[in-house]
Amino acid sequence: MLASDLTCFGCLSHGTARLLLDKRGRPYSTCIACGTRMFLPSFTPQLNGIALLEPEARALVERMARSPEEYTKAQERVGRFLAEVRARINGGDALPPPGASADAPRVILPATRIA
């Protein structure tokens, strides 16, 4: 095992994700709470991203737990993100979901995999 007690990026549960190596030595993360598996193509820069996002995920969960307004805002951001992803998958330009304001931040997905 490489690391334990990470925040799961799928369910945002603290201390449930484990960073492991498969039988060929490739890194992957698995969550014991929700069962999410995240396979990483290589050690860098993906592991750098996990190290940078871990404190952000913990801070987000703490803010969401303290304030119902923060929880609602986070849920709306997730909803906008998923709507944009679905629009991109369906071949259209990323459109905001119904009821979203025009000045809402847009999520830009890279067209190619970052090396």
N, C-alpha and C. Protein backbone atom coordinates (compact mmCIF):
# COMPACT_ATOMS: atom_id res chain seq x y z
N MET A 1 0.84 -1.17 0.00
CA MET A 1 0.00 0.00 0.00
C MET A 1 0.89 1.24 0.00
N LEU A 2 0.54 2.22 -0.82
CA LEU A 2 1.31 3.45 -0.90
C LEU A 2 0.88 4.46 0.16
N ALA A 3 -0.41 4.72 0.25
CA ALA A 3 -0.91 5.72 1.19
C ALA A 3 -2.31 5.34 1.62
N SER A 4 -2.70 5.80 2.78
CA SER A 4 -4.05 5.54 3.25
C SER A 4 -4.62 6.83 3.81
N ASP A 5 -5.88 6.76 4.20
CA ASP A 5 -6.56 7.89 4.80
C ASP A 5 -6.63 9.11 3.89
N LEU A 6 -6.87 8.88 2.61
CA LEU A 6 -7.07 9.98 1.67
C LEU A 6 -8.56 10.27 1.56
N THR A 7 -8.89 11.45 1.10
CA THR A 7 -10.28 11.80 0.84
C THR A 7 -10.67 11.24 -0.52
N CYS A 8 -11.80 10.55 -0.58
CA CYS A 8 -12.29 10.01 -1.85
C CYS A 8 -12.82 11.16 -2.70
N PHE A 9 -12.39 11.22 -3.95
CA PHE A 9 -12.86 12.28 -4.84
C PHE A 9 -14.20 11.93 -5.46
N GLY A 10 -14.71 10.73 -5.21
CA GLY A 10 -16.02 10.35 -5.70
C GLY A 10 -17.12 10.73 -4.72
N CYS A 11 -16.94 10.34 -3.45
CA CYS A 11 -17.98 10.61 -2.45
C CYS A 11 -17.56 11.65 -1.42
N LEU A 12 -16.32 12.12 -1.47
CA LEU A 12 -15.76 13.12 -0.56
C LEU A 12 -15.72 12.65 0.89
N SER A 13 -15.70 11.34 1.11
CA SER A 13 -15.56 10.81 2.47
C SER A 13 -14.10 10.86 2.87
N HIS A 14 -13.84 11.40 4.05
CA HIS A 14 -12.46 11.53 4.51
C HIS A 14 -11.96 10.21 5.08
N GLY A 15 -10.77 9.84 4.70
CA GLY A 15 -10.12 8.67 5.27
C GLY A 15 -10.57 7.34 4.71
N THR A 16 -11.28 7.34 3.59
CA THR A 16 -11.78 6.08 3.06
C THR A 16 -11.06 5.63 1.79
N ALA A 17 -10.31 6.51 1.16
CA ALA A 17 -9.62 6.16 -0.08
C ALA A 17 -8.23 5.63 0.23
N ARG A 18 -7.82 4.65 -0.53
CA ARG A 18 -6.48 4.06 -0.38
C ARG A 18 -5.78 4.13 -1.74
N LEU A 19 -4.53 4.47 -1.70
CA LEU A 19 -3.71 4.49 -2.91
C LEU A 19 -2.91 3.20 -2.93
N LEU A 20 -3.13 2.37 -3.96
CA LEU A 20 -2.54 1.04 -4.02
C LEU A 20 -1.80 0.84 -5.34
N LEU A 21 -1.10 -0.28 -5.44
CA LEU A 21 -0.45 -0.69 -6.68
C LEU A 21 -1.08 -1.99 -7.16
N ASP A 22 -1.33 -2.09 -8.47
CA ASP A 22 -1.86 -3.35 -8.99
C ASP A 22 -0.71 -4.35 -9.14
N LYS A 23 -1.01 -5.54 -9.66
CA LYS A 23 0.02 -6.59 -9.73
C LYS A 23 1.15 -6.25 -10.68
N ARG A 24 0.93 -5.28 -11.58
CA ARG A 24 2.00 -4.84 -12.48
C ARG A 24 2.71 -3.59 -11.99
N GLY A 25 2.36 -3.12 -10.79
CA GLY A 25 3.04 -1.96 -10.21
C GLY A 25 2.46 -0.62 -10.60
N ARG A 26 1.27 -0.61 -11.18
CA ARG A 26 0.64 0.65 -11.58
C ARG A 26 -0.23 1.18 -10.44
N PRO A 27 -0.23 2.51 -10.22
CA PRO A 27 -1.00 3.05 -9.10
C PRO A 27 -2.49 3.17 -9.41
N TYR A 28 -3.31 2.95 -8.38
CA TYR A 28 -4.74 3.21 -8.47
C TYR A 28 -5.26 3.54 -7.09
N SER A 29 -6.40 4.19 -7.04
CA SER A 29 -7.03 4.55 -5.78
C SER A 29 -8.37 3.86 -5.69
N THR A 30 -8.71 3.39 -4.50
CA THR A 30 -10.01 2.76 -4.28
C THR A 30 -10.60 3.28 -2.98
N CYS A 31 -11.92 3.45 -2.97
CA CYS A 31 -12.62 3.96 -1.80
C CYS A 31 -13.40 2.82 -1.15
N ILE A 32 -13.22 2.64 0.15
CA ILE A 32 -13.94 1.57 0.85
C ILE A 32 -15.37 1.97 1.18
N ALA A 33 -15.70 3.27 1.10
CA ALA A 33 -17.06 3.72 1.40
C ALA A 33 -17.99 3.58 0.20
N CYS A 34 -17.55 4.06 -0.97
CA CYS A 34 -18.45 4.05 -2.13
C CYS A 34 -18.01 3.07 -3.22
N GLY A 35 -16.81 2.51 -3.11
CA GLY A 35 -16.35 1.54 -4.09
C GLY A 35 -15.74 2.14 -5.34
N THR A 36 -15.56 3.45 -5.38
CA THR A 36 -14.98 4.10 -6.55
C THR A 36 -13.54 3.65 -6.73
N ARG A 37 -13.18 3.36 -7.97
CA ARG A 37 -11.78 3.06 -8.30
C ARG A 37 -11.31 4.09 -9.31
N MET A 38 -10.13 4.64 -9.07
CA MET A 38 -9.56 5.63 -9.97
C MET A 38 -8.19 5.11 -10.40
N PHE A 39 -8.09 4.75 -11.67
CA PHE A 39 -6.84 4.23 -12.20
C PHE A 39 -6.00 5.37 -12.75
N LEU A 40 -4.74 5.38 -12.40
CA LEU A 40 -3.82 6.44 -12.82
C LEU A 40 -2.87 5.86 -13.86
N PRO A 41 -2.73 6.51 -15.01
CA PRO A 41 -1.88 5.94 -16.05
C PRO A 41 -0.40 5.92 -15.70
N SER A 42 0.02 6.80 -14.81
CA SER A 42 1.43 6.80 -14.41
C SER A 42 1.55 7.49 -13.06
N PHE A 43 2.74 7.51 -12.51
CA PHE A 43 2.94 8.12 -11.21
C PHE A 43 2.91 9.65 -11.26
N THR A 44 3.39 10.24 -12.32
CA THR A 44 3.40 11.70 -12.40
C THR A 44 2.75 12.12 -13.69
N PRO A 45 2.04 13.18 -13.80
CA PRO A 45 1.73 14.17 -12.76
C PRO A 45 0.47 13.83 -11.97
N GLN A 46 -0.14 12.68 -12.18
CA GLN A 46 -1.39 12.36 -11.51
C GLN A 46 -1.25 12.34 -9.99
N LEU A 47 -0.17 11.78 -9.47
CA LEU A 47 0.00 11.75 -8.02
C LEU A 47 0.24 13.15 -7.47
N ASN A 48 0.87 14.01 -8.26
CA ASN A 48 1.03 15.41 -7.84
C ASN A 48 -0.35 16.05 -7.70
N GLY A 49 -1.26 15.75 -8.63
CA GLY A 49 -2.61 16.30 -8.57
C GLY A 49 -3.36 15.82 -7.34
N ILE A 50 -3.20 14.55 -6.99
CA ILE A 50 -3.86 14.03 -5.79
C ILE A 50 -3.34 14.75 -4.55
N ALA A 51 -2.04 14.97 -4.48
CA ALA A 51 -1.46 15.66 -3.32
C ALA A 51 -1.97 17.09 -3.23
N LEU A 52 -2.19 17.75 -4.36
CA LEU A 52 -2.67 19.13 -4.35
C LEU A 52 -4.17 19.21 -4.04
N LEU A 53 -4.95 18.24 -4.51
CA LEU A 53 -6.39 18.30 -4.33
C LEU A 53 -6.86 17.79 -2.97
N GLU A 54 -6.06 16.99 -2.31
CA GLU A 54 -6.46 16.43 -1.02
C GLU A 54 -6.86 17.50 -0.01
N PRO A 55 -6.04 18.53 0.25
CA PRO A 55 -6.45 19.56 1.22
C PRO A 55 -7.68 20.33 0.75
N GLU A 56 -7.81 20.55 -0.55
CA GLU A 56 -8.98 21.25 -1.07
C GLU A 56 -10.26 20.45 -0.84
N ALA A 57 -10.19 19.15 -1.06
CA ALA A 57 -11.36 18.30 -0.84
C ALA A 57 -11.76 18.29 0.64
N ARG A 58 -10.78 18.21 1.53
CA ARG A 58 -11.08 18.24 2.96
C ARG A 58 -11.72 19.57 3.36
N ALA A 59 -11.18 20.69 2.85
CA ALA A 59 -11.74 22.00 3.18
C ALA A 59 -13.16 22.14 2.66
N LEU A 60 -13.42 21.63 1.46
CA LEU A 60 -14.77 21.69 0.89
C LEU A 60 -15.77 20.92 1.75
N VAL A 61 -15.41 19.73 2.18
CA VAL A 61 -16.29 18.92 3.01
C VAL A 61 -16.57 19.62 4.34
N GLU A 62 -15.55 20.23 4.93
CA GLU A 62 -15.75 20.94 6.19
C GLU A 62 -16.67 22.14 6.02
N ARG A 63 -16.49 22.91 4.93
CA ARG A 63 -17.38 24.06 4.68
C ARG A 63 -18.81 23.60 4.44
N MET A 64 -18.97 22.50 3.69
CA MET A 64 -20.31 21.98 3.42
C MET A 64 -20.99 21.49 4.69
N ALA A 65 -20.22 20.92 5.62
CA ALA A 65 -20.81 20.41 6.86
C ALA A 65 -21.23 21.54 7.80
N ARG A 66 -20.52 22.67 7.75
CA ARG A 66 -20.83 23.77 8.65
C ARG A 66 -22.00 24.63 8.20
N SER A 67 -22.21 24.77 6.91
CA SER A 67 -23.17 25.74 6.42
C SER A 67 -24.09 25.14 5.37
N PRO A 68 -25.40 25.24 5.56
CA PRO A 68 -26.33 24.76 4.54
C PRO A 68 -26.20 25.53 3.22
N GLU A 69 -25.82 26.82 3.30
CA GLU A 69 -25.63 27.61 2.08
C GLU A 69 -24.45 27.09 1.27
N GLU A 70 -23.36 26.76 1.96
CA GLU A 70 -22.19 26.21 1.26
C GLU A 70 -22.53 24.87 0.63
N TYR A 71 -23.32 24.06 1.33
CA TYR A 71 -23.74 22.77 0.79
C TYR A 71 -24.56 22.96 -0.48
N THR A 72 -25.49 23.91 -0.45
CA THR A 72 -26.33 24.19 -1.62
C THR A 72 -25.50 24.71 -2.78
N LYS A 73 -24.55 25.61 -2.49
CA LYS A 73 -23.69 26.14 -3.56
C LYS A 73 -22.85 25.03 -4.18
N ALA A 74 -22.31 24.14 -3.36
CA ALA A 74 -21.49 23.05 -3.88
C ALA A 74 -22.34 22.11 -4.73
N GLN A 75 -23.55 21.81 -4.29
CA GLN A 75 -24.45 20.94 -5.06
C GLN A 75 -24.78 21.58 -6.41
N GLU A 76 -24.99 22.90 -6.44
CA GLU A 76 -25.28 23.58 -7.70
C GLU A 76 -24.09 23.54 -8.64
N ARG A 77 -22.88 23.72 -8.09
CA ARG A 77 -21.67 23.65 -8.93
C ARG A 77 -21.51 22.27 -9.54
N VAL A 78 -21.77 21.23 -8.74
CA VAL A 78 -21.67 19.87 -9.25
C VAL A 78 -22.71 19.65 -10.34
N GLY A 79 -23.92 20.15 -10.13
CA GLY A 79 -24.98 20.02 -11.13
C GLY A 79 -24.62 20.71 -12.44
N ARG A 80 -24.04 21.92 -12.35
CA ARG A 80 -23.61 22.63 -13.57
C ARG A 80 -22.52 21.86 -14.29
N PHE A 81 -21.56 21.34 -13.52
CA PHE A 81 -20.46 20.59 -14.12
C PHE A 81 -20.99 19.35 -14.85
N LEU A 82 -21.88 18.60 -14.20
CA LEU A 82 -22.42 17.40 -14.84
C LEU A 82 -23.24 17.74 -16.08
N ALA A 83 -23.99 18.83 -16.04
CA ALA A 83 -24.76 19.24 -17.21
C ALA A 83 -23.84 19.59 -18.38
N GLU A 84 -22.74 20.26 -18.09
CA GLU A 84 -21.79 20.60 -19.15
C GLU A 84 -21.12 19.36 -19.71
N VAL A 85 -20.77 18.42 -18.85
CA VAL A 85 -20.16 17.18 -19.32
C VAL A 85 -21.14 16.42 -20.22
N ARG A 86 -22.40 16.33 -19.80
CA ARG A 86 -23.41 15.64 -20.61
C ARG A 86 -23.60 16.33 -21.96
N ALA A 87 -23.59 17.66 -21.95
CA ALA A 87 -23.73 18.39 -23.22
C ALA A 87 -22.55 18.12 -24.14
N ARG A 88 -21.35 18.07 -23.59
CA ARG A 88 -20.16 17.79 -24.41
C ARG A 88 -20.21 16.38 -24.96
N ILE A 89 -20.67 15.43 -24.15
CA ILE A 89 -20.76 14.04 -24.59
C ILE A 89 -21.77 13.90 -25.72
N ASN A 90 -22.86 14.64 -25.64
CA ASN A 90 -23.90 14.57 -26.66
C ASN A 90 -23.55 15.36 -27.92
N GLY A 91 -22.37 15.92 -27.98
CA GLY A 91 -21.90 16.56 -29.19
C GLY A 91 -22.19 18.04 -29.29
N GLY A 92 -22.90 18.59 -28.34
CA GLY A 92 -23.18 20.02 -28.38
C GLY A 92 -22.16 20.79 -27.59
N ASP A 93 -22.23 22.10 -27.73
CA ASP A 93 -21.37 22.95 -26.93
C ASP A 93 -21.89 22.89 -25.49
N ALA A 94 -21.00 23.10 -24.54
CA ALA A 94 -21.40 23.01 -23.14
C ALA A 94 -22.35 24.15 -22.80
N LEU A 95 -23.62 23.82 -22.59
CA LEU A 95 -24.64 24.80 -22.26
C LEU A 95 -24.95 24.74 -20.77
N PRO A 96 -25.23 25.88 -20.14
CA PRO A 96 -25.59 25.84 -18.74
C PRO A 96 -26.94 25.17 -18.55
N PRO A 97 -27.17 24.51 -17.42
CA PRO A 97 -28.46 23.86 -17.17
C PRO A 97 -29.56 24.89 -17.00
N PRO A 98 -30.82 24.49 -17.15
CA PRO A 98 -31.91 25.44 -16.97
C PRO A 98 -31.87 26.05 -15.58
N GLY A 99 -32.07 27.35 -15.51
CA GLY A 99 -32.07 28.05 -14.23
C GLY A 99 -30.71 28.56 -13.81
N ALA A 100 -29.64 28.20 -14.52
CA ALA A 100 -28.32 28.68 -14.17
C ALA A 100 -28.13 30.08 -14.75
N SER A 101 -27.41 30.90 -14.03
CA SER A 101 -27.19 32.26 -14.52
C SER A 101 -26.16 32.25 -15.64
N ALA A 102 -26.24 33.27 -16.50
CA ALA A 102 -25.34 33.34 -17.65
C ALA A 102 -23.91 33.64 -17.22
N ASP A 103 -23.73 34.26 -16.04
CA ASP A 103 -22.38 34.59 -15.59
C ASP A 103 -21.76 33.49 -14.73
N ALA A 104 -22.39 32.34 -14.66
CA ALA A 104 -21.85 31.22 -13.89
C ALA A 104 -20.54 30.75 -14.53
N PRO A 105 -19.56 30.36 -13.70
CA PRO A 105 -18.29 29.91 -14.26
C PRO A 105 -18.47 28.66 -15.12
N ARG A 106 -17.81 28.65 -16.27
CA ARG A 106 -17.90 27.51 -17.18
C ARG A 106 -16.76 26.55 -16.92
N VAL A 107 -17.03 25.29 -17.09
CA VAL A 107 -16.01 24.25 -16.93
C VAL A 107 -15.46 23.96 -18.32
N ILE A 108 -14.16 24.04 -18.47
CA ILE A 108 -13.53 23.77 -19.75
C ILE A 108 -12.81 22.45 -19.65
N LEU A 109 -13.22 21.49 -20.46
CA LEU A 109 -12.60 20.17 -20.46
C LEU A 109 -11.52 20.11 -21.53
N PRO A 110 -10.36 19.56 -21.22
CA PRO A 110 -9.32 19.46 -22.25
C PRO A 110 -9.72 18.47 -23.33
N ALA A 111 -9.36 18.80 -24.57
CA ALA A 111 -9.70 17.93 -25.69
C ALA A 111 -8.78 16.72 -25.76
N THR A 112 -7.59 16.83 -25.23
CA THR A 112 -6.65 15.72 -25.26
C THR A 112 -6.15 15.46 -23.83
N ARG A 113 -5.61 14.30 -23.65
CA ARG A 113 -5.07 13.91 -22.35
C ARG A 113 -3.80 14.69 -22.08
N ILE A 114 -3.68 15.22 -20.88
CA ILE A 114 -2.50 15.97 -20.50
C ILE A 114 -1.38 14.99 -20.19
N ALA A 115 -0.21 15.23 -20.76
CA ALA A 115 0.92 14.33 -20.56
C ALA A 115 1.58 14.53 -19.24
